[in-house]
Amino acid sequence: MPAREPPKRRSRAAEARPYHHGDLRRVLIDAALQLAAEGGDVSVREAARRAAVSPGAPFRHFPNRDALMAAVAGEAQRRFRAEIDTALAQTPPAEPLVRLRAFGLAYLRWAMRNPAHFEIISTGRYFAHGSSPELTRDNAELIALTERMLGEAAERGLLRQGELKPIQIAARALVYGFARMNLDGHFPRWGVEEGEIEKMAEAVIDVFIAGIAKPKRGG
């Protein structure tokens, strides 16, 4: 019988278990978001550690922390827009103040249910927002959307006053301020318990809409 060949020795590279994540970029974004939600320092290397990959692997996707956080913010913004679009799709196109109310409620519900995402896209704590063309473009679209809704309301004579910019900024200040109060834990001292915050958000939006709307005749 011919002598049996000794079994070939597998190289270390062959023995190493390959990384099987189908989307490393997605895994790293999720890891960075988790770190941000925990209040920890976010870095590419720490995201790699959390994702259980080699320290050098993420740099093929994100050369630095700003690039990683811009991607996290972009994902947050996409989810935020989906929330807004879903809410507006359920409102009558010819009712601009109803749509403005739906916009505000969608903003607040999303911010309250996704506090880490809200923190990332609403503050400059994690990266310079102006460095992300995607965020800049999307924010401009949302501002333009509120301008259109208020403009339509003004054309139909639904508003108490004709100057729209103060109303637009007041609307932004209202939802942003409410979301920050929730994120910073202020509501208990105002007598609003955890389970009542979304209901209070709706009441606050209704007060705002009533304040800018022209009273209906005979009402």
N, C-alpha and C. Protein backbone atom coordinates (compact mmCIF):
# COMPACT_ATOMS: atom_id res chain seq x y z
N MET A 1 0.84 -1.20 0.00
CA MET A 1 0.00 0.00 0.00
C MET A 1 0.86 1.23 0.00
N PRO A 2 0.46 2.23 -0.81
CA PRO A 2 1.25 3.46 -0.80
C PRO A 2 1.13 4.14 0.55
N ALA A 3 2.20 4.76 0.91
CA ALA A 3 2.20 5.47 2.21
C ALA A 3 1.18 6.60 2.18
N ARG A 4 0.46 6.72 3.30
CA ARG A 4 -0.53 7.81 3.40
C ARG A 4 0.18 9.12 3.62
N GLU A 5 -0.31 10.12 2.90
CA GLU A 5 0.28 11.43 3.10
C GLU A 5 -0.18 11.99 4.44
N PRO A 6 0.72 12.65 5.14
CA PRO A 6 0.31 13.26 6.42
C PRO A 6 -0.71 14.35 6.16
N PRO A 7 -1.65 14.52 7.05
CA PRO A 7 -2.66 15.56 6.84
C PRO A 7 -2.02 16.93 6.74
N LYS A 8 -2.54 17.69 5.79
CA LYS A 8 -2.01 19.04 5.61
C LYS A 8 -2.37 19.91 6.80
N ARG A 9 -1.41 20.66 7.22
CA ARG A 9 -1.63 21.53 8.36
C ARG A 9 -2.31 22.80 7.91
N ARG A 10 -3.41 23.12 8.55
CA ARG A 10 -4.14 24.34 8.17
C ARG A 10 -3.40 25.55 8.72
N SER A 11 -3.35 26.53 7.89
CA SER A 11 -2.71 27.77 8.33
C SER A 11 -3.56 28.45 9.39
N ARG A 12 -2.95 29.34 10.13
CA ARG A 12 -3.69 30.09 11.13
C ARG A 12 -4.81 30.90 10.49
N ALA A 13 -4.53 31.43 9.32
CA ALA A 13 -5.55 32.22 8.63
C ALA A 13 -6.76 31.37 8.30
N ALA A 14 -6.49 30.11 7.89
CA ALA A 14 -7.59 29.23 7.55
C ALA A 14 -8.37 28.81 8.79
N GLU A 15 -7.61 28.66 9.91
CA GLU A 15 -8.27 28.26 11.14
C GLU A 15 -9.06 29.39 11.77
N ALA A 16 -8.65 30.61 11.48
CA ALA A 16 -9.34 31.74 12.10
C ALA A 16 -10.78 31.79 11.62
N ARG A 17 -11.64 32.01 12.50
CA ARG A 17 -13.05 32.07 12.14
C ARG A 17 -13.34 33.40 11.44
N PRO A 18 -13.83 33.35 10.21
CA PRO A 18 -14.06 34.60 9.50
C PRO A 18 -15.22 35.39 10.10
N TYR A 19 -15.18 36.66 9.85
CA TYR A 19 -16.24 37.54 10.35
C TYR A 19 -17.45 37.41 9.44
N HIS A 20 -18.58 37.01 10.01
CA HIS A 20 -19.73 36.64 9.19
C HIS A 20 -20.82 37.70 9.13
N HIS A 21 -20.62 38.86 9.76
CA HIS A 21 -21.66 39.87 9.67
C HIS A 21 -21.89 40.22 8.21
N GLY A 22 -23.12 40.20 7.79
CA GLY A 22 -23.42 40.52 6.40
C GLY A 22 -23.23 41.99 6.10
N ASP A 23 -23.34 42.83 7.11
CA ASP A 23 -23.24 44.27 6.88
C ASP A 23 -22.48 44.87 8.05
N LEU A 24 -21.16 44.87 7.94
CA LEU A 24 -20.33 45.41 9.01
C LEU A 24 -20.64 46.87 9.27
N ARG A 25 -20.91 47.61 8.21
CA ARG A 25 -21.22 49.03 8.38
C ARG A 25 -22.43 49.21 9.30
N ARG A 26 -23.46 48.42 9.05
CA ARG A 26 -24.68 48.50 9.87
C ARG A 26 -24.38 48.12 11.32
N VAL A 27 -23.60 47.07 11.52
CA VAL A 27 -23.27 46.62 12.87
C VAL A 27 -22.52 47.71 13.63
N LEU A 28 -21.62 48.38 12.96
CA LEU A 28 -20.85 49.44 13.61
C LEU A 28 -21.72 50.64 13.95
N ILE A 29 -22.64 50.98 13.06
CA ILE A 29 -23.57 52.08 13.34
C ILE A 29 -24.41 51.76 14.57
N ASP A 30 -24.92 50.53 14.63
CA ASP A 30 -25.73 50.12 15.78
C ASP A 30 -24.91 50.14 17.07
N ALA A 31 -23.64 49.71 16.97
CA ALA A 31 -22.78 49.70 18.16
C ALA A 31 -22.51 51.13 18.64
N ALA A 32 -22.27 52.03 17.71
CA ALA A 32 -22.02 53.43 18.08
C ALA A 32 -23.26 54.05 18.71
N LEU A 33 -24.42 53.72 18.17
CA LEU A 33 -25.66 54.23 18.75
C LEU A 33 -25.85 53.72 20.17
N GLN A 34 -25.53 52.45 20.39
CA GLN A 34 -25.66 51.88 21.74
C GLN A 34 -24.72 52.58 22.71
N LEU A 35 -23.51 52.86 22.26
CA LEU A 35 -22.56 53.58 23.12
C LEU A 35 -23.09 54.97 23.46
N ALA A 36 -23.64 55.65 22.46
CA ALA A 36 -24.19 56.98 22.71
C ALA A 36 -25.36 56.91 23.67
N ALA A 37 -26.21 55.90 23.52
CA ALA A 37 -27.37 55.75 24.39
C ALA A 37 -26.95 55.51 25.83
N GLU A 38 -25.79 54.87 26.01
CA GLU A 38 -25.30 54.60 27.36
C GLU A 38 -24.54 55.79 27.94
N GLY A 39 -24.36 56.84 27.13
CA GLY A 39 -23.65 58.02 27.60
C GLY A 39 -22.15 57.88 27.58
N GLY A 40 -21.65 56.86 26.94
CA GLY A 40 -20.21 56.65 26.90
C GLY A 40 -19.54 57.39 25.75
N ASP A 41 -18.21 57.35 25.76
CA ASP A 41 -17.45 57.95 24.66
C ASP A 41 -17.57 57.05 23.44
N VAL A 42 -17.84 57.67 22.30
CA VAL A 42 -17.98 56.91 21.06
C VAL A 42 -16.72 57.08 20.24
N SER A 43 -16.13 55.98 19.84
CA SER A 43 -14.97 56.00 18.96
C SER A 43 -15.08 54.83 18.00
N VAL A 44 -14.34 54.89 16.91
CA VAL A 44 -14.37 53.79 15.95
C VAL A 44 -13.86 52.50 16.60
N ARG A 45 -12.79 52.62 17.37
CA ARG A 45 -12.22 51.42 18.01
C ARG A 45 -13.16 50.84 19.07
N GLU A 46 -13.84 51.71 19.82
CA GLU A 46 -14.76 51.20 20.82
C GLU A 46 -15.97 50.54 20.15
N ALA A 47 -16.43 51.13 19.03
CA ALA A 47 -17.52 50.50 18.28
C ALA A 47 -17.08 49.14 17.76
N ALA A 48 -15.83 49.03 17.34
CA ALA A 48 -15.30 47.74 16.87
C ALA A 48 -15.28 46.72 18.01
N ARG A 49 -14.85 47.17 19.19
CA ARG A 49 -14.83 46.26 20.33
C ARG A 49 -16.24 45.79 20.67
N ARG A 50 -17.18 46.73 20.67
CA ARG A 50 -18.56 46.37 20.99
C ARG A 50 -19.14 45.42 19.93
N ALA A 51 -18.72 45.60 18.69
CA ALA A 51 -19.21 44.74 17.60
C ALA A 51 -18.43 43.43 17.50
N ALA A 52 -17.39 43.28 18.34
CA ALA A 52 -16.57 42.06 18.37
C ALA A 52 -15.85 41.82 17.06
N VAL A 53 -15.25 42.88 16.52
CA VAL A 53 -14.42 42.74 15.33
C VAL A 53 -13.03 43.30 15.63
N SER A 54 -12.08 43.01 14.76
CA SER A 54 -10.73 43.49 14.98
C SER A 54 -10.70 45.02 14.93
N PRO A 55 -9.80 45.66 15.68
CA PRO A 55 -9.77 47.13 15.73
C PRO A 55 -9.60 47.80 14.38
N GLY A 56 -8.93 47.11 13.45
CA GLY A 56 -8.70 47.74 12.15
C GLY A 56 -9.85 47.57 11.16
N ALA A 57 -10.74 46.61 11.42
CA ALA A 57 -11.80 46.31 10.45
C ALA A 57 -12.71 47.49 10.14
N PRO A 58 -13.12 48.29 11.12
CA PRO A 58 -14.07 49.37 10.81
C PRO A 58 -13.51 50.47 9.93
N PHE A 59 -12.20 50.63 9.91
CA PHE A 59 -11.63 51.78 9.21
C PHE A 59 -11.80 51.67 7.70
N ARG A 60 -12.19 50.51 7.21
CA ARG A 60 -12.52 50.40 5.78
C ARG A 60 -13.81 51.16 5.48
N HIS A 61 -14.66 51.29 6.49
CA HIS A 61 -15.94 51.97 6.33
C HIS A 61 -15.92 53.39 6.89
N PHE A 62 -15.24 53.55 8.03
CA PHE A 62 -15.25 54.85 8.72
C PHE A 62 -13.81 55.22 9.09
N PRO A 63 -13.22 56.15 8.36
CA PRO A 63 -11.82 56.50 8.63
C PRO A 63 -11.60 57.19 9.96
N ASN A 64 -12.65 57.78 10.53
CA ASN A 64 -12.51 58.46 11.81
C ASN A 64 -13.87 58.52 12.52
N ARG A 65 -13.85 59.07 13.71
CA ARG A 65 -15.06 59.14 14.53
C ARG A 65 -16.13 60.00 13.88
N ASP A 66 -15.73 61.12 13.27
CA ASP A 66 -16.72 61.99 12.63
C ASP A 66 -17.48 61.27 11.53
N ALA A 67 -16.76 60.46 10.76
CA ALA A 67 -17.42 59.70 9.69
C ALA A 67 -18.41 58.70 10.27
N LEU A 68 -18.03 58.05 11.37
CA LEU A 68 -18.93 57.10 12.02
C LEU A 68 -20.17 57.80 12.56
N MET A 69 -19.98 58.91 13.26
CA MET A 69 -21.12 59.61 13.85
C MET A 69 -22.00 60.26 12.79
N ALA A 70 -21.42 60.67 11.68
CA ALA A 70 -22.24 61.20 10.58
C ALA A 70 -23.14 60.10 10.03
N ALA A 71 -22.62 58.88 9.95
CA ALA A 71 -23.43 57.76 9.49
C ALA A 71 -24.53 57.43 10.49
N VAL A 72 -24.21 57.49 11.78
CA VAL A 72 -25.23 57.25 12.82
C VAL A 72 -26.32 58.31 12.73
N ALA A 73 -25.90 59.56 12.58
CA ALA A 73 -26.87 60.65 12.47
C ALA A 73 -27.72 60.51 11.21
N GLY A 74 -27.09 60.09 10.12
CA GLY A 74 -27.84 59.89 8.89
C GLY A 74 -28.92 58.82 9.06
N GLU A 75 -28.58 57.75 9.77
CA GLU A 75 -29.56 56.70 10.03
C GLU A 75 -30.68 57.22 10.93
N ALA A 76 -30.31 58.00 11.95
CA ALA A 76 -31.31 58.59 12.83
C ALA A 76 -32.25 59.50 12.06
N GLN A 77 -31.68 60.30 11.18
CA GLN A 77 -32.50 61.23 10.40
C GLN A 77 -33.44 60.49 9.45
N ARG A 78 -32.98 59.39 8.88
CA ARG A 78 -33.85 58.61 7.99
C ARG A 78 -35.04 58.04 8.76
N ARG A 79 -34.79 57.56 9.96
CA ARG A 79 -35.88 57.02 10.77
C ARG A 79 -36.84 58.14 11.19
N PHE A 80 -36.28 59.29 11.51
CA PHE A 80 -37.10 60.44 11.87
C PHE A 80 -38.00 60.85 10.71
N ARG A 81 -37.42 60.94 9.51
CA ARG A 81 -38.21 61.31 8.33
C ARG A 81 -39.30 60.28 8.05
N ALA A 82 -38.99 59.02 8.26
CA ALA A 82 -40.01 57.98 8.04
C ALA A 82 -41.19 58.19 8.99
N GLU A 83 -40.89 58.59 10.22
CA GLU A 83 -41.96 58.85 11.20
C GLU A 83 -42.81 60.04 10.75
N ILE A 84 -42.15 61.09 10.30
CA ILE A 84 -42.87 62.28 9.82
C ILE A 84 -43.72 61.94 8.60
N ASP A 85 -43.12 61.24 7.64
CA ASP A 85 -43.83 60.91 6.40
C ASP A 85 -45.05 60.03 6.67
N THR A 86 -44.90 59.08 7.59
CA THR A 86 -46.03 58.22 7.94
C THR A 86 -47.17 59.02 8.55
N ALA A 87 -46.82 59.93 9.45
CA ALA A 87 -47.85 60.76 10.10
C ALA A 87 -48.56 61.65 9.09
N LEU A 88 -47.82 62.26 8.19
CA LEU A 88 -48.43 63.16 7.21
C LEU A 88 -49.26 62.41 6.18
N ALA A 89 -48.88 61.17 5.89
CA ALA A 89 -49.65 60.37 4.93
C ALA A 89 -51.04 60.05 5.46
N GLN A 90 -51.23 60.18 6.76
CA GLN A 90 -52.52 59.87 7.37
C GLN A 90 -53.37 61.11 7.63
N THR A 91 -52.93 62.26 7.11
CA THR A 91 -53.68 63.51 7.32
C THR A 91 -54.18 64.05 5.98
N PRO A 92 -55.28 64.80 6.00
CA PRO A 92 -55.82 65.35 4.74
C PRO A 92 -54.86 66.37 4.12
N PRO A 93 -54.52 66.23 2.84
CA PRO A 93 -53.60 67.17 2.20
C PRO A 93 -54.09 68.62 2.22
N ALA A 94 -55.41 68.81 2.28
CA ALA A 94 -55.97 70.16 2.21
C ALA A 94 -56.16 70.79 3.58
N GLU A 95 -55.62 70.18 4.63
CA GLU A 95 -55.77 70.72 5.99
C GLU A 95 -54.39 71.04 6.57
N PRO A 96 -53.84 72.21 6.25
CA PRO A 96 -52.45 72.50 6.65
C PRO A 96 -52.23 72.53 8.16
N LEU A 97 -53.18 73.01 8.94
CA LEU A 97 -52.97 73.04 10.38
C LEU A 97 -53.10 71.66 11.00
N VAL A 98 -53.93 70.82 10.42
CA VAL A 98 -54.00 69.42 10.86
C VAL A 98 -52.67 68.73 10.56
N ARG A 99 -52.10 69.03 9.42
CA ARG A 99 -50.81 68.46 9.04
C ARG A 99 -49.68 68.99 9.93
N LEU A 100 -49.74 70.28 10.28
CA LEU A 100 -48.73 70.84 11.17
C LEU A 100 -48.79 70.18 12.54
N ARG A 101 -50.00 69.95 13.01
CA ARG A 101 -50.17 69.24 14.29
C ARG A 101 -49.60 67.83 14.21
N ALA A 102 -49.89 67.12 13.13
CA ALA A 102 -49.38 65.76 12.96
C ALA A 102 -47.86 65.75 12.90
N PHE A 103 -47.30 66.74 12.23
CA PHE A 103 -45.85 66.88 12.14
C PHE A 103 -45.26 67.04 13.54
N GLY A 104 -45.82 67.96 14.33
CA GLY A 104 -45.30 68.20 15.67
C GLY A 104 -45.40 66.98 16.57
N LEU A 105 -46.53 66.28 16.52
CA LEU A 105 -46.70 65.10 17.34
C LEU A 105 -45.74 63.98 16.92
N ALA A 106 -45.55 63.83 15.63
CA ALA A 106 -44.62 62.80 15.15
C ALA A 106 -43.19 63.12 15.63
N TYR A 107 -42.83 64.38 15.56
CA TYR A 107 -41.51 64.82 16.05
C TYR A 107 -41.35 64.44 17.51
N LEU A 108 -42.32 64.80 18.34
CA LEU A 108 -42.19 64.57 19.78
C LEU A 108 -42.22 63.08 20.11
N ARG A 109 -43.10 62.34 19.48
CA ARG A 109 -43.16 60.91 19.78
C ARG A 109 -41.86 60.23 19.40
N TRP A 110 -41.32 60.59 18.25
CA TRP A 110 -40.06 59.99 17.84
C TRP A 110 -38.93 60.36 18.80
N ALA A 111 -38.86 61.63 19.17
CA ALA A 111 -37.80 62.08 20.08
C ALA A 111 -37.90 61.41 21.44
N MET A 112 -39.13 61.21 21.93
CA MET A 112 -39.30 60.59 23.24
C MET A 112 -39.00 59.10 23.21
N ARG A 113 -39.26 58.47 22.09
CA ARG A 113 -39.02 57.02 21.99
C ARG A 113 -37.60 56.69 21.53
N ASN A 114 -36.89 57.67 21.02
CA ASN A 114 -35.53 57.45 20.52
C ASN A 114 -34.61 58.55 21.05
N PRO A 115 -34.42 58.62 22.37
CA PRO A 115 -33.67 59.74 22.96
C PRO A 115 -32.23 59.84 22.48
N ALA A 116 -31.56 58.70 22.28
CA ALA A 116 -30.16 58.77 21.82
C ALA A 116 -30.09 59.32 20.41
N HIS A 117 -30.97 58.87 19.53
CA HIS A 117 -31.01 59.41 18.17
C HIS A 117 -31.31 60.91 18.19
N PHE A 118 -32.26 61.30 19.01
CA PHE A 118 -32.60 62.72 19.10
C PHE A 118 -31.40 63.54 19.56
N GLU A 119 -30.69 63.05 20.55
CA GLU A 119 -29.50 63.75 21.05
C GLU A 119 -28.47 63.92 19.95
N ILE A 120 -28.27 62.89 19.15
CA ILE A 120 -27.24 62.93 18.11
C ILE A 120 -27.58 63.93 17.02
N ILE A 121 -28.85 63.95 16.58
CA ILE A 121 -29.17 64.82 15.45
C ILE A 121 -29.56 66.24 15.87
N SER A 122 -29.76 66.47 17.17
CA SER A 122 -30.22 67.79 17.59
C SER A 122 -29.15 68.62 18.29
N THR A 123 -28.02 68.01 18.63
CA THR A 123 -26.96 68.76 19.31
C THR A 123 -25.64 68.56 18.57
N GLY A 124 -24.67 69.37 18.91
CA GLY A 124 -23.34 69.25 18.32
C GLY A 124 -22.38 68.49 19.22
N ARG A 125 -22.93 67.69 20.14
CA ARG A 125 -22.08 66.98 21.09
C ARG A 125 -21.21 65.93 20.42
N TYR A 126 -21.73 65.27 19.41
CA TYR A 126 -21.03 64.12 18.85
C TYR A 126 -20.23 64.43 17.58
N PHE A 127 -20.69 65.39 16.81
CA PHE A 127 -19.94 65.77 15.60
C PHE A 127 -20.51 67.07 15.06
N ALA A 128 -19.77 67.71 14.16
CA ALA A 128 -20.21 68.98 13.58
C ALA A 128 -21.27 68.70 12.53
N HIS A 129 -22.49 69.14 12.77
CA HIS A 129 -23.60 68.83 11.86
C HIS A 129 -23.38 69.41 10.47
N GLY A 130 -22.72 70.56 10.41
CA GLY A 130 -22.49 71.17 9.11
C GLY A 130 -21.59 70.36 8.20
N SER A 131 -20.90 69.36 8.78
CA SER A 131 -20.01 68.54 7.96
C SER A 131 -20.75 67.42 7.24
N SER A 132 -22.05 67.29 7.50
CA SER A 132 -22.83 66.23 6.86
C SER A 132 -23.79 66.84 5.84
N PRO A 133 -23.49 66.74 4.56
CA PRO A 133 -24.40 67.27 3.53
C PRO A 133 -25.78 66.65 3.60
N GLU A 134 -25.84 65.37 3.97
CA GLU A 134 -27.13 64.69 4.04
C GLU A 134 -28.02 65.31 5.11
N LEU A 135 -27.46 65.55 6.30
CA LEU A 135 -28.24 66.17 7.37
C LEU A 135 -28.64 67.59 7.01
N THR A 136 -27.71 68.33 6.43
CA THR A 136 -27.99 69.71 6.04
C THR A 136 -29.14 69.76 5.05
N ARG A 137 -29.10 68.88 4.06
CA ARG A 137 -30.15 68.84 3.05
C ARG A 137 -31.50 68.43 3.65
N ASP A 138 -31.48 67.43 4.51
CA ASP A 138 -32.72 66.94 5.08
C ASP A 138 -33.35 67.97 6.02
N ASN A 139 -32.53 68.65 6.82
CA ASN A 139 -33.05 69.69 7.69
C ASN A 139 -33.66 70.83 6.88
N ALA A 140 -33.02 71.17 5.76
CA ALA A 140 -33.57 72.22 4.90
C ALA A 140 -34.93 71.79 4.33
N GLU A 141 -35.06 70.52 4.00
CA GLU A 141 -36.34 70.02 3.48
C GLU A 141 -37.44 70.09 4.54
N LEU A 142 -37.09 69.78 5.78
CA LEU A 142 -38.08 69.84 6.85
C LEU A 142 -38.50 71.28 7.14
N ILE A 143 -37.55 72.19 7.11
CA ILE A 143 -37.88 73.60 7.30
C ILE A 143 -38.79 74.08 6.18
N ALA A 144 -38.46 73.69 4.95
CA ALA A 144 -39.29 74.07 3.81
C ALA A 144 -40.69 73.48 3.94
N LEU A 145 -40.79 72.28 4.48
CA LEU A 145 -42.10 71.64 4.67
C LEU A 145 -42.96 72.45 5.63
N THR A 146 -42.38 72.88 6.74
CA THR A 146 -43.16 73.70 7.68
C THR A 146 -43.53 75.04 7.06
N GLU A 147 -42.64 75.59 6.26
CA GLU A 147 -42.95 76.85 5.57
C GLU A 147 -44.14 76.68 4.64
N ARG A 148 -44.18 75.56 3.92
CA ARG A 148 -45.29 75.32 3.00
C ARG A 148 -46.61 75.16 3.75
N MET A 149 -46.58 74.41 4.84
CA MET A 149 -47.81 74.21 5.60
C MET A 149 -48.34 75.52 6.16
N LEU A 150 -47.45 76.33 6.72
CA LEU A 150 -47.88 77.62 7.25
C LEU A 150 -48.30 78.57 6.13
N GLY A 151 -47.59 78.51 5.00
CA GLY A 151 -47.97 79.34 3.87
C GLY A 151 -49.36 79.00 3.36
N GLU A 152 -49.66 77.72 3.27
CA GLU A 152 -51.00 77.29 2.85
C GLU A 152 -52.06 77.74 3.84
N ALA A 153 -51.75 77.64 5.13
CA ALA A 153 -52.69 78.09 6.15
C ALA A 153 -52.95 79.59 6.05
N ALA A 154 -51.89 80.36 5.78
CA ALA A 154 -52.04 81.81 5.64
C ALA A 154 -52.88 82.15 4.41
N GLU A 155 -52.63 81.46 3.30
CA GLU A 155 -53.39 81.73 2.07
C GLU A 155 -54.88 81.46 2.24
N ARG A 156 -55.20 80.51 3.09
CA ARG A 156 -56.60 80.16 3.33
C ARG A 156 -57.22 80.96 4.47
N GLY A 157 -56.45 81.91 5.00
CA GLY A 157 -56.97 82.75 6.07
C GLY A 157 -57.18 82.03 7.38
N LEU A 158 -56.35 81.03 7.67
CA LEU A 158 -56.53 80.23 8.88
C LEU A 158 -55.71 80.74 10.06
N LEU A 159 -54.82 81.71 9.83
CA LEU A 159 -53.92 82.16 10.89
C LEU A 159 -54.33 83.52 11.45
N ARG A 160 -53.98 83.74 12.70
CA ARG A 160 -54.28 85.01 13.36
C ARG A 160 -53.45 86.15 12.79
N GLN A 161 -52.23 85.86 12.37
CA GLN A 161 -51.34 86.90 11.86
C GLN A 161 -50.69 86.44 10.56
N GLY A 162 -50.20 87.42 9.80
CA GLY A 162 -49.65 87.10 8.50
C GLY A 162 -48.17 86.84 8.49
N GLU A 163 -47.45 87.25 9.53
CA GLU A 163 -46.00 87.04 9.54
C GLU A 163 -45.70 85.60 9.97
N LEU A 164 -45.10 84.85 9.08
CA LEU A 164 -44.97 83.42 9.31
C LEU A 164 -43.70 83.01 10.05
N LYS A 165 -42.63 83.76 9.88
CA LYS A 165 -41.36 83.34 10.46
C LYS A 165 -41.42 83.18 11.98
N PRO A 166 -42.02 84.13 12.73
CA PRO A 166 -42.12 83.90 14.19
C PRO A 166 -42.90 82.65 14.54
N ILE A 167 -43.95 82.35 13.77
CA ILE A 167 -44.73 81.15 14.05
C ILE A 167 -43.89 79.91 13.81
N GLN A 168 -43.15 79.92 12.72
CA GLN A 168 -42.32 78.77 12.38
C GLN A 168 -41.25 78.53 13.45
N ILE A 169 -40.60 79.59 13.89
CA ILE A 169 -39.56 79.44 14.91
C ILE A 169 -40.18 79.03 16.25
N ALA A 170 -41.35 79.58 16.57
CA ALA A 170 -42.02 79.20 17.81
C ALA A 170 -42.39 77.72 17.79
N ALA A 171 -42.83 77.23 16.64
CA ALA A 171 -43.18 75.81 16.53
C ALA A 171 -41.95 74.94 16.75
N ARG A 172 -40.84 75.34 16.15
CA ARG A 172 -39.59 74.59 16.34
C ARG A 172 -39.16 74.64 17.81
N ALA A 173 -39.22 75.82 18.41
CA ALA A 173 -38.82 75.96 19.81
C ALA A 173 -39.70 75.10 20.72
N LEU A 174 -40.98 75.03 20.40
CA LEU A 174 -41.90 74.25 21.22
C LEU A 174 -41.53 72.77 21.22
N VAL A 175 -41.41 72.17 20.04
CA VAL A 175 -41.15 70.73 20.00
C VAL A 175 -39.74 70.41 20.48
N TYR A 176 -38.79 71.24 20.12
CA TYR A 176 -37.41 71.00 20.56
C TYR A 176 -37.32 71.14 22.08
N GLY A 177 -37.93 72.19 22.62
CA GLY A 177 -37.88 72.41 24.05
C GLY A 177 -38.58 71.30 24.83
N PHE A 178 -39.72 70.86 24.34
CA PHE A 178 -40.44 69.77 25.01
C PHE A 178 -39.60 68.50 24.99
N ALA A 179 -39.01 68.20 23.84
CA ALA A 179 -38.19 67.00 23.73
C ALA A 179 -36.99 67.07 24.66
N ARG A 180 -36.36 68.25 24.78
CA ARG A 180 -35.23 68.41 25.68
C ARG A 180 -35.65 68.26 27.13
N MET A 181 -36.80 68.82 27.48
CA MET A 181 -37.30 68.67 28.85
C MET A 181 -37.47 67.19 29.20
N ASN A 182 -37.98 66.43 28.25
CA ASN A 182 -38.16 65.00 28.49
C ASN A 182 -36.81 64.31 28.61
N LEU A 183 -35.90 64.61 27.71
CA LEU A 183 -34.59 63.97 27.71
C LEU A 183 -33.83 64.29 29.00
N ASP A 184 -33.97 65.50 29.49
CA ASP A 184 -33.25 65.93 30.69
C ASP A 184 -33.99 65.61 31.99
N GLY A 185 -35.14 64.95 31.87
CA GLY A 185 -35.85 64.48 33.05
C GLY A 185 -36.55 65.55 33.87
N HIS A 186 -37.06 66.60 33.21
CA HIS A 186 -37.69 67.70 33.94
C HIS A 186 -39.15 67.46 34.31
N PHE A 187 -39.85 66.59 33.61
CA PHE A 187 -41.30 66.54 33.76
C PHE A 187 -41.80 66.11 35.15
N PRO A 188 -41.13 65.20 35.85
CA PRO A 188 -41.63 64.86 37.19
C PRO A 188 -41.76 66.06 38.12
N ARG A 189 -40.82 67.01 38.02
CA ARG A 189 -40.92 68.16 38.91
C ARG A 189 -42.05 69.10 38.52
N TRP A 190 -42.58 68.92 37.30
CA TRP A 190 -43.75 69.68 36.85
C TRP A 190 -45.04 68.89 37.06
N GLY A 191 -44.93 67.78 37.75
CA GLY A 191 -46.11 66.99 38.06
C GLY A 191 -46.60 66.12 36.92
N VAL A 192 -45.72 65.85 35.95
CA VAL A 192 -46.09 64.99 34.82
C VAL A 192 -45.32 63.68 34.95
N GLU A 193 -46.03 62.61 35.18
CA GLU A 193 -45.39 61.31 35.37
C GLU A 193 -45.02 60.69 34.02
N GLU A 194 -44.19 59.67 34.09
CA GLU A 194 -43.66 59.03 32.89
C GLU A 194 -44.75 58.61 31.91
N GLY A 195 -45.80 57.99 32.42
CA GLY A 195 -46.86 57.50 31.54
C GLY A 195 -47.76 58.58 30.99
N GLU A 196 -47.58 59.82 31.44
CA GLU A 196 -48.45 60.92 31.00
C GLU A 196 -47.78 61.86 30.01
N ILE A 197 -46.51 61.63 29.71
CA ILE A 197 -45.75 62.61 28.93
C ILE A 197 -46.28 62.72 27.50
N GLU A 198 -46.57 61.60 26.85
CA GLU A 198 -47.07 61.67 25.47
C GLU A 198 -48.42 62.36 25.41
N LYS A 199 -49.26 62.11 26.38
CA LYS A 199 -50.55 62.79 26.43
C LYS A 199 -50.36 64.29 26.63
N MET A 200 -49.39 64.67 27.47
CA MET A 200 -49.09 66.08 27.67
C MET A 200 -48.53 66.71 26.39
N ALA A 201 -47.73 65.96 25.66
CA ALA A 201 -47.20 66.46 24.38
C ALA A 201 -48.34 66.83 23.44
N GLU A 202 -49.33 65.97 23.37
CA GLU A 202 -50.48 66.23 22.51
C GLU A 202 -51.23 67.47 22.97
N ALA A 203 -51.41 67.64 24.29
CA ALA A 203 -52.11 68.81 24.81
C ALA A 203 -51.35 70.09 24.52
N VAL A 204 -50.02 70.05 24.63
CA VAL A 204 -49.20 71.24 24.37
C VAL A 204 -49.27 71.63 22.89
N ILE A 205 -49.21 70.64 22.02
CA ILE A 205 -49.34 70.93 20.58
C ILE A 205 -50.70 71.55 20.29
N ASP A 206 -51.74 71.05 20.90
CA ASP A 206 -53.08 71.59 20.67
C ASP A 206 -53.19 73.04 21.16
N VAL A 207 -52.55 73.35 22.29
CA VAL A 207 -52.54 74.74 22.77
C VAL A 207 -51.86 75.64 21.75
N PHE A 208 -50.75 75.17 21.18
CA PHE A 208 -50.03 75.97 20.19
C PHE A 208 -50.87 76.19 18.94
N ILE A 209 -51.47 75.13 18.41
CA ILE A 209 -52.28 75.26 17.20
C ILE A 209 -53.46 76.20 17.45
N ALA A 210 -54.10 76.09 18.60
CA ALA A 210 -55.21 76.98 18.93
C ALA A 210 -54.74 78.42 19.04
N GLY A 211 -53.52 78.62 19.47
CA GLY A 211 -52.99 79.97 19.62
C GLY A 211 -52.68 80.67 18.30
N ILE A 212 -52.31 79.91 17.28
CA ILE A 212 -51.97 80.53 16.00
C ILE A 212 -53.15 80.56 15.04
N ALA A 213 -54.16 79.73 15.32
CA ALA A 213 -55.30 79.64 14.38
C ALA A 213 -56.29 80.77 14.61
N LYS A 214 -56.82 81.29 13.51
CA LYS A 214 -57.88 82.30 13.60
C LYS A 214 -59.16 81.61 14.05
N PRO A 215 -59.85 82.19 15.05
CA PRO A 215 -61.09 81.56 15.52
C PRO A 215 -62.10 81.44 14.39
N LYS A 216 -62.80 80.33 14.37
CA LYS A 216 -63.81 80.13 13.34
C LYS A 216 -65.03 81.00 13.65
N ARG A 217 -65.66 81.49 12.62
CA ARG A 217 -66.85 82.31 12.81
C ARG A 217 -67.95 81.50 13.47
N GLY A 218 -68.57 82.14 14.45
CA GLY A 218 -69.65 81.47 15.16
C GLY A 218 -69.16 80.49 16.19
N GLY A 219 -67.77 80.37 16.32
CA GLY A 219 -67.22 79.43 17.27
C GLY A 219 -67.01 80.07 18.63
